[in-house]
Structures are given as structure tokens and as C-alpha cells.
Amino acid sequence: MDNKQFFQPYQDSRQVKEIQTMNDYSQNFGLSLAGKDIEVLLQERKGILKEQERVEFRGGILKKLIAAFCDSAYIWQDNYADTLGRLQEIFYQYKNEAMDDLTDDELISYMKEKFEGDCQGSLDYLEDTCLEEFARNIRENQDWREEYWNTNPKN
């Protein structure tokens, strides 16, 4: 038996429990994930990581996405799991597009700001316009961080 097969059930059950604990927080906003939703999101994460050729050593970004987005005016119970799945996909794509030149928290903060503002809850607009421009600016401008955070002090 290889180590990957041995540790996989433990890692999966640990990640499920971590996400289930996030329900305690998100329920304050009328949102929660059922067990099957959590399983699907974690399976999707594995596929996204493979597709984006990324490796993670911790539980992934889902907990941070839940914490950041569960208070959104544009997310309700009926679209919660699907929206988280799409946000997870967008996150990893743009982590690569920005050449890993920003922290997870910086990217999530930007995503949330644009999702609530310019995008008015549109994931397509977030992905295809706002984040595309943001990633392009990062690739072209090494001083992007100072410029962006100085003009957006709330972040």
C-alpha cells in the first residue's frame, strides 16, 4: 500500500470536519453546507488542483472562502454550494495567473471586494473581467502591491 492511499481517508475526513465547523459561523448568515455538498466541494478541489497543476499541503482554501463570502448580499442558501465551488475554481486559476505573486488573503480580499462591488454578485464578471485585469496588472507591474493597497486602504 502506498502512503497516498493510506493517508487519503484521514485527510478527507479531517477536511470534512473542518468545513463542517465552518457551518457554525455561516449559519449566522443563513447558510450551511450539507455533508454531500462538502464532499462534492472537496472532490472538485482535487480536480481543480490537478487541472491547475497545483499542490497544497494544508486543507485548501475553502474555509477562507466560506469565512470571506458567507456574509455576501449575493449568496443565499440555494446558490451557496455552487457559488463556493466556482469561487474555489476561480481562486486557483487566478493564483496561477498572478504567478503566485500575492497571498491567499490578498486574492480573497480582492475577489470579495469586486464580487460585492463592481461585479454585483456576477461570478462571470469577476472571473472574466476584474480578475483578468488584476492578474494582467500583476504580471506587468512589479510594484502592483504598493499601488493597489495604497489606493484601497480598507484592505
Protein backbone atom coordinates (compact mmCIF):
# COMPACT_ATOMS: atom_id res chain seq x y z
CA MET A 1 0.00 0.00 0.00
CA ASP A 2 1.43 3.39 -0.90
CA ASN A 3 1.34 6.32 1.54
CA LYS A 4 -1.14 8.27 -0.60
CA GLN A 5 -3.80 5.56 -0.21
CA PHE A 6 -3.06 5.20 3.50
CA PHE A 7 -3.39 8.90 4.39
CA GLN A 8 -6.22 9.83 2.00
CA PRO A 9 -9.18 8.72 4.18
CA TYR A 10 -7.73 10.53 7.20
CA GLN A 11 -7.10 13.74 5.23
CA ASP A 12 -10.56 13.63 3.67
CA SER A 13 -12.35 13.12 6.99
CA ARG A 14 -10.28 15.88 8.63
CA GLN A 15 -11.14 18.30 5.83
CA VAL A 16 -14.83 17.41 6.03
CA LYS A 17 -14.82 18.11 9.77
CA GLU A 18 -13.04 21.44 9.25
CA ILE A 19 -15.64 22.56 6.74
CA GLN A 20 -18.49 21.32 8.93
CA THR A 21 -17.20 23.54 11.73
CA MET A 22 -17.48 26.50 9.36
CA ASN A 23 -21.26 25.88 9.32
CA ASP A 24 -21.37 27.26 12.87
CA TYR A 25 -20.16 30.60 11.51
CA SER A 26 -22.01 30.66 8.18
CA GLN A 27 -25.34 29.77 9.82
CA ASN A 28 -25.26 33.29 11.29
CA PHE A 29 -25.93 34.40 7.70
CA GLY A 30 -28.49 31.69 6.93
CA LEU A 31 -26.05 29.48 5.06
CA SER A 32 -24.80 25.96 5.66
CA LEU A 33 -23.35 23.09 3.69
CA ALA A 34 -24.80 19.61 3.82
CA GLY A 35 -22.42 16.67 4.04
CA LYS A 36 -22.88 15.82 0.36
CA ASP A 37 -22.10 19.44 -0.60
CA ILE A 38 -18.87 19.31 1.38
CA GLU A 39 -17.87 16.04 -0.27
CA VAL A 40 -18.56 17.49 -3.73
CA LEU A 41 -16.59 20.68 -2.98
CA LEU A 42 -13.61 18.68 -1.74
CA GLN A 43 -13.75 16.39 -4.80
CA GLU A 44 -13.92 19.43 -7.07
CA ARG A 45 -10.91 20.88 -5.25
CA LYS A 46 -8.87 17.79 -6.08
CA GLY A 47 -9.80 18.10 -9.75
CA ILE A 48 -9.06 21.82 -9.84
CA LEU A 49 -5.66 21.32 -8.21
CA LYS A 50 -4.80 18.66 -10.76
CA GLU A 51 -6.04 20.79 -13.66
CA GLN A 52 -4.15 23.88 -12.43
CA GLU A 53 -1.09 21.75 -11.63
CA ARG A 54 -1.04 22.93 -8.02
CA VAL A 55 -0.12 21.11 -4.82
CA GLU A 56 -1.36 22.01 -1.36
CA PHE A 57 -0.14 20.72 1.94
CA ARG A 58 -2.96 22.01 4.08
CA GLY A 59 -6.72 21.75 3.87
CA GLY A 60 -7.20 24.10 0.95
CA ILE A 61 -8.80 27.47 0.56
CA LEU A 62 -12.43 26.55 1.15
CA LYS A 63 -12.50 27.59 4.82
CA LYS A 64 -11.19 31.05 3.95
CA LEU A 65 -13.66 31.42 1.09
CA ILE A 66 -16.54 30.50 3.40
CA ALA A 67 -15.38 32.99 6.03
CA ALA A 68 -14.99 35.76 3.47
CA PHE A 69 -18.11 35.24 1.36
CA CYS A 70 -20.82 33.85 3.65
CA ASP A 71 -22.00 37.36 4.52
CA SER A 72 -22.45 38.36 0.88
CA ALA A 73 -25.67 40.00 -0.21
CA TYR A 74 -25.45 37.93 -3.41
CA ILE A 75 -25.25 34.47 -1.86
CA TRP A 76 -28.22 32.61 -0.42
CA GLN A 77 -28.77 29.01 0.59
CA ASP A 78 -29.93 27.88 -2.88
CA ASN A 79 -26.72 29.01 -4.60
CA TYR A 80 -24.27 28.68 -1.70
CA ALA A 81 -22.53 25.39 -2.55
CA ASP A 82 -22.38 26.13 -6.28
CA THR A 83 -21.02 29.62 -5.63
CA LEU A 84 -18.33 28.27 -3.30
CA GLY A 85 -17.36 25.70 -5.91
CA ARG A 86 -17.00 28.36 -8.56
CA LEU A 87 -15.12 30.71 -6.21
CA GLN A 88 -12.73 27.88 -5.38
CA GLU A 89 -12.11 27.26 -9.08
CA ILE A 90 -11.62 30.97 -9.81
CA PHE A 91 -9.27 31.33 -6.85
CA TYR A 92 -6.88 28.62 -8.00
CA GLN A 93 -6.97 29.79 -11.61
CA TYR A 94 -6.04 33.34 -10.68
CA LYS A 95 -3.49 32.26 -8.12
CA ASN A 96 -1.69 30.78 -11.13
CA GLU A 97 -2.49 33.70 -13.45
CA ALA A 98 -0.94 36.11 -10.94
CA MET A 99 2.15 33.89 -10.85
CA ASP A 100 1.70 33.28 -7.11
CA ASP A 101 2.77 36.87 -6.54
CA LEU A 102 0.09 37.52 -3.95
CA THR A 103 -1.00 35.85 -0.78
CA ASP A 104 -4.18 33.83 -0.48
CA ASP A 105 -5.63 36.54 1.76
CA GLU A 106 -4.81 39.29 -0.75
CA LEU A 107 -6.50 37.42 -3.58
CA ILE A 108 -9.57 36.58 -1.49
CA SER A 109 -9.84 40.16 -0.28
CA TYR A 110 -9.73 41.44 -3.85
CA MET A 111 -12.23 38.82 -5.02
CA LYS A 112 -14.66 39.73 -2.23
CA GLU A 113 -14.32 43.48 -2.81
CA LYS A 114 -15.03 43.12 -6.54
CA PHE A 115 -17.77 40.49 -6.09
CA GLU A 116 -19.70 42.77 -3.75
CA GLY A 117 -18.91 45.94 -5.71
CA ASP A 118 -18.28 46.10 -9.44
CA CYS A 119 -19.48 42.54 -10.12
CA GLN A 120 -22.70 42.81 -8.10
CA GLY A 121 -22.51 39.08 -7.46
CA SER A 122 -21.62 38.01 -11.01
CA LEU A 123 -19.01 35.27 -10.95
CA ASP A 124 -18.56 35.57 -14.72
CA TYR A 125 -17.74 39.27 -14.45
CA LEU A 126 -15.42 38.59 -11.52
CA GLU A 127 -13.53 35.93 -13.44
CA ASP A 128 -13.53 37.29 -16.97
CA THR A 129 -13.09 41.00 -16.30
CA CYS A 130 -12.00 42.03 -12.82
CA LEU A 131 -9.57 39.23 -12.07
CA GLU A 132 -8.25 39.05 -15.61
CA GLU A 133 -7.31 42.75 -15.42
CA PHE A 134 -5.91 42.34 -11.91
CA ALA A 135 -3.70 39.39 -12.91
CA ARG A 136 -2.50 41.21 -16.02
CA ASN A 137 -1.54 44.22 -13.91
CA ILE A 138 0.37 41.98 -11.52
CA ARG A 139 2.27 40.29 -14.34
CA GLU A 140 3.16 43.64 -15.95
CA ASN A 141 3.90 45.68 -12.84
CA GLN A 142 6.18 44.50 -10.06
CA ASP A 143 5.04 47.40 -7.85
CA TRP A 144 1.35 46.45 -8.09
CA ARG A 145 1.00 45.61 -4.39
CA GLU A 146 2.06 49.03 -3.14
CA GLU A 147 -0.05 50.84 -5.74
CA TYR A 148 -3.18 48.75 -5.14
CA TRP A 149 -3.11 48.69 -1.36
CA ASN A 150 -2.31 52.42 -1.16
CA THR A 151 -5.36 53.26 -3.29
CA ASN A 152 -7.57 50.75 -1.43
CA PRO A 153 -6.70 51.30 2.25
CA LYS A 154 -9.65 49.30 3.61
CA ASN A 155 -7.90 46.07 2.56
